[in-house]
Amino acid sequence: MEVFRISAEKHAKALTASGKASRWNKDNQFVIYAGEMRSLAVLESVVHKSIGTALNYEIMIISIADQESLITRLQQKKLPKNWRDYSAYSDLQEIGSDWYRNKKSLVLQVPSVIIPQEYNFIINTNHPDFNPGTVSLVRNEPFLPDSRLF
């Protein structure tokens, strides 16, 4: 399976994580967020980052081995009713943190808040399966967004 991440060019050459807290992880939990499609990765980046046309960004194409055991899939019906609201942030961080700490799988598949019918993939860089045989950066593509997005 291939997933996609928009990243500043200087950070797009390797599969690394900052450890900064986000919707599905707490501080010092090293995960990589990616979208199931380039378009979703773009939307997520526009919403969460102040991407501007002045900076150089790239699309990272990440390959994950097609092994069902590598992925934990969260279904919307098992999430809090208000999961799309900012007020649910801490609840979602707890869910993701539990997955991360217990190393339940290499990847956590979660519905996108922006488009709930599409999915984001969170990759645990601290998981024993995080190795070139199961997850790798396949290539980078230039990200040349239409200025109307910003």
Protein backbone atom coordinates (compact mmCIF):
# COMPACT_ATOMS: atom_id res chain seq x y z
CA MET A 1 0.00 0.00 0.00
CA GLU A 2 1.18 3.52 -0.70
CA VAL A 3 0.33 6.51 1.49
CA PHE A 4 1.21 10.16 1.05
CA ARG A 5 2.68 12.91 3.19
CA ILE A 6 3.32 16.58 2.40
CA SER A 7 6.51 17.77 4.03
CA ALA A 8 8.93 20.65 3.83
CA GLU A 9 11.68 19.70 1.42
CA LYS A 10 14.33 19.68 4.15
CA HIS A 11 12.33 17.04 6.10
CA ALA A 12 11.12 14.99 3.13
CA LYS A 13 14.20 12.85 2.52
CA ALA A 14 13.75 10.40 5.39
CA LEU A 15 11.00 8.78 7.44
CA THR A 16 11.43 10.70 10.67
CA ALA A 17 9.01 12.06 13.23
CA SER A 18 9.22 15.16 15.41
CA GLY A 19 7.56 13.71 18.50
CA LYS A 20 5.20 16.69 18.72
CA ALA A 21 1.70 16.08 20.01
CA SER A 22 -1.14 16.00 17.50
CA ARG A 23 -4.68 14.63 17.25
CA TRP A 24 -3.74 10.96 17.69
CA ASN A 25 -0.52 11.20 19.73
CA LYS A 26 0.98 12.93 22.75
CA ASP A 27 4.36 14.66 23.08
CA ASN A 28 7.41 12.43 22.66
CA GLN A 29 5.49 9.83 20.70
CA PHE A 30 7.22 9.57 17.35
CA VAL A 31 4.69 8.98 14.61
CA ILE A 32 4.38 9.90 10.95
CA TYR A 33 1.00 11.05 9.65
CA ALA A 34 0.08 10.24 6.03
CA GLY A 35 -3.07 10.28 3.91
CA GLU A 36 -4.48 7.53 1.74
CA MET A 37 -4.40 9.87 -1.28
CA ARG A 38 -2.33 12.83 -2.35
CA SER A 39 -5.43 15.03 -2.26
CA LEU A 40 -6.20 14.12 1.35
CA ALA A 41 -2.58 14.75 2.33
CA VAL A 42 -2.87 18.20 0.74
CA LEU A 43 -6.09 19.02 2.58
CA GLU A 44 -4.65 17.84 5.90
CA SER A 45 -1.56 19.97 5.33
CA VAL A 46 -3.59 23.05 4.43
CA VAL A 47 -5.69 22.67 7.58
CA HIS A 48 -2.85 21.87 9.98
CA LYS A 49 0.12 23.77 8.64
CA SER A 50 0.66 27.22 7.28
CA ILE A 51 1.91 26.03 3.92
CA GLY A 52 2.67 28.85 1.58
CA THR A 53 3.80 28.89 -1.98
CA ALA A 54 7.09 30.54 -0.94
CA LEU A 55 8.40 27.41 0.77
CA ASN A 56 9.47 24.23 -0.97
CA TYR A 57 7.34 21.21 -0.09
CA GLU A 58 7.40 17.71 -1.43
CA ILE A 59 5.00 14.80 -1.57
CA MET A 60 6.50 11.79 0.14
CA ILE A 61 5.29 8.46 -1.24
CA ILE A 62 5.56 5.90 1.53
CA SER A 63 5.18 2.17 0.94
CA ILE A 64 3.78 -0.08 3.67
CA ALA A 65 3.85 -3.85 3.29
CA ASP A 66 0.47 -5.38 2.46
CA GLN A 67 0.14 -7.36 5.68
CA GLU A 68 -3.14 -6.96 7.51
CA SER A 69 -1.41 -7.61 10.84
CA LEU A 70 0.56 -4.38 10.46
CA ILE A 71 -2.56 -2.19 10.62
CA THR A 72 -5.04 -1.40 13.38
CA ARG A 73 -8.19 0.08 11.82
CA LEU A 74 -10.31 2.42 13.92
CA GLN A 75 -13.93 2.60 12.86
CA GLN A 76 -15.96 5.77 13.34
CA LYS A 77 -18.66 3.93 15.25
CA LYS A 78 -16.12 3.02 17.95
CA LEU A 79 -14.95 6.61 18.40
CA PRO A 80 -16.54 9.17 20.74
CA LYS A 81 -19.66 10.73 19.21
CA ASN A 82 -17.93 14.12 19.09
CA TRP A 83 -14.67 12.74 17.63
CA ARG A 84 -14.55 15.43 14.92
CA ASP A 85 -14.76 18.27 17.45
CA TYR A 86 -11.73 19.89 19.00
CA SER A 87 -13.23 19.03 22.41
CA ALA A 88 -12.50 15.33 21.69
CA TYR A 89 -8.78 15.98 21.11
CA SER A 90 -7.65 14.59 24.47
CA ASP A 91 -9.84 11.48 24.07
CA LEU A 92 -8.34 10.79 20.64
CA GLN A 93 -4.84 11.36 21.98
CA GLU A 94 -5.55 8.74 24.64
CA ILE A 95 -6.70 6.25 21.99
CA GLY A 96 -3.62 6.89 19.84
CA SER A 97 -1.31 6.94 22.85
CA ASP A 98 -2.55 3.56 24.00
CA TRP A 99 -1.95 2.16 20.50
CA TYR A 100 1.55 3.71 20.44
CA ARG A 101 2.66 2.67 23.94
CA ASN A 102 1.41 -0.90 23.59
CA LYS A 103 2.85 -1.22 20.07
CA LYS A 104 -0.42 -2.79 18.91
CA SER A 105 0.62 -2.46 15.26
CA LEU A 106 2.96 -0.53 13.02
CA VAL A 107 0.12 1.55 11.55
CA LEU A 108 -3.06 3.06 12.94
CA GLN A 109 -5.72 3.77 10.30
CA VAL A 110 -8.07 6.56 11.37
CA PRO A 111 -10.87 8.42 9.60
CA SER A 112 -10.00 11.92 8.48
CA VAL A 113 -11.76 14.70 10.38
CA ILE A 114 -11.87 16.67 7.14
CA ILE A 115 -13.38 13.86 5.03
CA PRO A 116 -14.56 11.06 7.35
CA GLN A 117 -15.02 8.63 4.44
CA GLU A 118 -11.26 8.77 3.78
CA TYR A 119 -8.40 7.66 5.98
CA ASN A 120 -5.16 8.84 7.46
CA PHE A 121 -2.43 6.44 8.47
CA ILE A 122 -0.28 6.99 11.53
CA ILE A 123 3.01 5.13 11.46
CA ASN A 124 4.70 4.28 14.77
CA THR A 125 8.42 4.83 14.19
CA ASN A 126 9.11 3.16 17.56
CA HIS A 127 7.43 -0.13 16.57
CA PRO A 128 9.60 -3.24 16.00
CA ASP A 129 8.16 -3.56 12.46
CA PHE A 130 9.35 -0.07 11.52
CA ASN A 131 12.12 -1.20 9.21
CA PRO A 132 12.91 -1.00 5.47
CA GLY A 133 11.27 -4.39 4.88
CA THR A 134 7.85 -3.14 5.96
CA VAL A 135 7.84 0.63 5.49
CA SER A 136 9.96 2.74 3.18
CA LEU A 137 10.13 6.07 1.43
CA VAL A 138 9.65 5.09 -2.21
CA ARG A 139 10.17 8.49 -3.80
CA ASN A 140 9.46 12.18 -3.55
CA GLU A 141 7.47 14.33 -5.93
CA PRO A 142 7.44 18.10 -6.16
CA PHE A 143 4.46 19.71 -4.50
CA LEU A 144 3.37 22.65 -6.61
CA PRO A 145 0.05 23.75 -5.13
CA ASP A 146 -2.40 26.01 -6.83
CA SER A 147 -2.11 29.41 -5.13
CA ARG A 148 -5.90 29.52 -4.67
CA LEU A 149 -5.53 26.97 -1.86
CA PHE A 150 -3.86 29.62 0.24
